[in-house]
Amino acid sequence: QVELVESGGGLVQAGGSLRLSCAASGRTFSSYDMGWFRQAPGKEREFVAIIARNGRTTLHADSVKGRFTISRDNAENTGYLQMNSLKPEDTAMYSCALCLGWGIGCIKKYAYWGLGTQVTVSS
């Protein structure tokens, strides 16, 4: 069993930055692609970014491309999401997952999912 714990969320003004972390227990972190997803109140879960298990391939949603960057450190069993130029529409609960599907496919095909960290961007 793997536990994913997200951290780094908070309240930030528009234009600001946050760095989210996703810490995984166990030794299987490097065996999975890892993704970040978000869900705002009243909206469906949305794909944000995903990174391959070896860290060489990434995919970012068009809505965050150029502003957010996904990365991982397999030695530390930790994934990251650097978020710059934040906008009020980025406000959501952000969760990480160890994926069995790629990109948006991870929403339905995943191995583990974290509880999330809240990001609130004020205008």
Protein backbone atom coordinates (compact mmCIF):
# COMPACT_ATOMS: atom_id res chain seq x y z
CA GLN A 1 0.00 0.00 0.00
CA VAL A 2 1.22 3.51 -0.88
CA GLU A 3 0.12 6.70 0.82
CA LEU A 4 0.36 10.02 -1.04
CA VAL A 5 0.49 13.22 0.99
CA GLU A 6 0.24 16.60 -0.72
CA SER A 7 1.52 19.84 0.78
CA GLY A 8 2.37 23.39 -0.20
CA GLY A 9 -1.07 24.76 -0.88
CA GLY A 10 -2.37 28.01 0.55
CA LEU A 11 -3.72 31.46 -0.18
CA VAL A 12 -1.85 33.56 -2.72
CA GLN A 13 -2.55 36.71 -4.69
CA ALA A 14 -3.00 36.58 -8.43
CA GLY A 15 0.38 36.57 -10.15
CA GLY A 16 2.02 34.77 -7.25
CA SER A 17 3.63 31.36 -7.05
CA LEU A 18 3.30 28.15 -5.06
CA ARG A 19 5.17 24.87 -5.12
CA LEU A 20 3.16 21.77 -4.33
CA SER A 21 4.77 18.55 -3.12
CA CYS A 22 3.50 14.99 -3.27
CA ALA A 23 5.30 12.67 -0.86
CA ALA A 24 4.86 8.94 -1.34
CA SER A 25 5.39 6.24 1.23
CA GLY A 26 6.82 2.90 0.21
CA ARG A 27 9.32 2.02 -2.50
CA THR A 28 7.13 1.87 -5.58
CA PHE A 29 6.96 5.59 -6.42
CA SER A 30 9.42 5.26 -9.29
CA SER A 31 7.36 2.47 -10.84
CA TYR A 32 4.51 4.79 -11.75
CA ASP A 33 3.81 7.81 -13.87
CA MET A 34 2.68 10.62 -11.56
CA GLY A 35 -0.02 13.18 -12.20
CA TRP A 36 -1.50 16.31 -10.69
CA PHE A 37 -5.22 17.02 -10.86
CA ARG A 38 -7.52 19.68 -9.49
CA GLN A 39 -11.16 20.06 -8.64
CA ALA A 40 -13.00 23.28 -7.92
CA PRO A 41 -16.35 23.32 -6.09
CA GLY A 42 -19.17 22.30 -8.39
CA LYS A 43 -16.81 21.28 -11.17
CA GLU A 44 -15.45 17.98 -12.39
CA ARG A 45 -11.93 16.82 -11.66
CA GLU A 46 -9.49 18.32 -14.16
CA PHE A 47 -6.16 17.03 -15.45
CA VAL A 48 -3.28 19.43 -14.75
CA ALA A 49 -0.01 17.65 -15.57
CA ILE A 50 1.65 14.26 -15.68
CA ILE A 51 5.24 13.04 -15.67
CA ALA A 52 6.60 9.67 -16.76
CA ARG A 53 8.16 7.36 -14.21
CA ASN A 54 11.68 8.17 -15.44
CA GLY A 55 10.97 11.91 -15.48
CA ARG A 56 11.84 12.32 -19.16
CA THR A 57 8.36 12.94 -20.54
CA THR A 58 5.80 15.44 -19.30
CA LEU A 59 2.41 16.66 -20.42
CA HIS A 60 0.69 19.81 -19.19
CA ALA A 61 -2.89 20.88 -19.73
CA ASP A 62 -3.28 23.81 -22.11
CA SER A 63 -4.77 25.87 -19.28
CA VAL A 64 -1.51 25.71 -17.30
CA LYS A 65 1.10 25.34 -20.03
CA GLY A 66 3.88 27.88 -19.63
CA ARG A 67 2.85 28.63 -16.03
CA PHE A 68 3.02 25.26 -14.22
CA THR A 69 5.85 22.73 -14.28
CA ILE A 70 5.68 19.16 -13.05
CA SER A 71 8.79 17.37 -11.81
CA ARG A 72 9.80 14.46 -9.61
CA ASP A 73 12.66 13.19 -7.49
CA ASN A 74 12.52 9.40 -7.39
CA ALA A 75 15.34 9.23 -4.84
CA GLU A 76 13.13 11.23 -2.47
CA ASN A 77 9.85 9.54 -3.50
CA THR A 78 8.44 12.99 -4.09
CA GLY A 79 6.72 14.79 -6.93
CA TYR A 80 6.32 18.52 -7.40
CA LEU A 81 4.15 21.06 -9.17
CA GLN A 82 5.68 24.52 -9.52
CA MET A 83 2.89 27.00 -10.13
CA ASN A 84 3.73 30.50 -11.36
CA SER A 85 1.59 33.40 -12.56
CA LEU A 86 -1.37 32.04 -10.65
CA LYS A 87 -4.85 33.17 -11.62
CA PRO A 88 -8.10 33.16 -9.61
CA GLU A 89 -9.39 30.40 -11.92
CA ASP A 90 -6.58 28.16 -10.63
CA THR A 91 -8.36 28.01 -7.26
CA ALA A 92 -9.10 24.35 -6.49
CA MET A 93 -8.18 21.32 -4.44
CA TYR A 94 -5.02 19.88 -5.98
CA SER A 95 -4.34 16.15 -5.71
CA CYS A 96 -1.56 13.90 -6.93
CA ALA A 97 -1.91 10.37 -8.18
CA LEU A 98 0.22 7.44 -9.23
CA CYS A 99 -1.17 6.68 -12.64
CA LEU A 100 -1.99 3.63 -14.70
CA GLY A 101 -3.33 5.78 -17.55
CA TRP A 102 -1.64 8.72 -19.25
CA GLY A 103 -2.88 12.28 -19.05
CA ILE A 104 -6.60 12.62 -18.50
CA GLY A 105 -6.77 8.82 -18.60
CA CYS A 106 -5.30 8.74 -15.13
CA ILE A 107 -8.54 10.10 -13.69
CA LYS A 108 -10.16 6.70 -14.24
CA LYS A 109 -7.07 4.46 -14.29
CA TYR A 110 -4.89 5.05 -11.28
CA ALA A 111 -3.18 3.06 -8.57
CA TYR A 112 -3.15 5.57 -5.72
CA TRP A 113 -4.68 9.00 -5.08
CA GLY A 114 -3.89 11.58 -2.40
CA LEU A 115 -6.33 13.60 -0.32
CA GLY A 116 -5.21 16.92 -1.76
CA THR A 117 -4.06 20.39 -0.77
CA GLN A 118 -6.16 23.54 -1.22
CA VAL A 119 -4.94 26.35 -3.45
CA THR A 120 -6.79 29.65 -3.31
CA VAL A 121 -5.83 32.55 -5.58
CA SER A 122 -7.27 35.95 -4.74
CA SER A 123 -7.80 38.65 -7.33
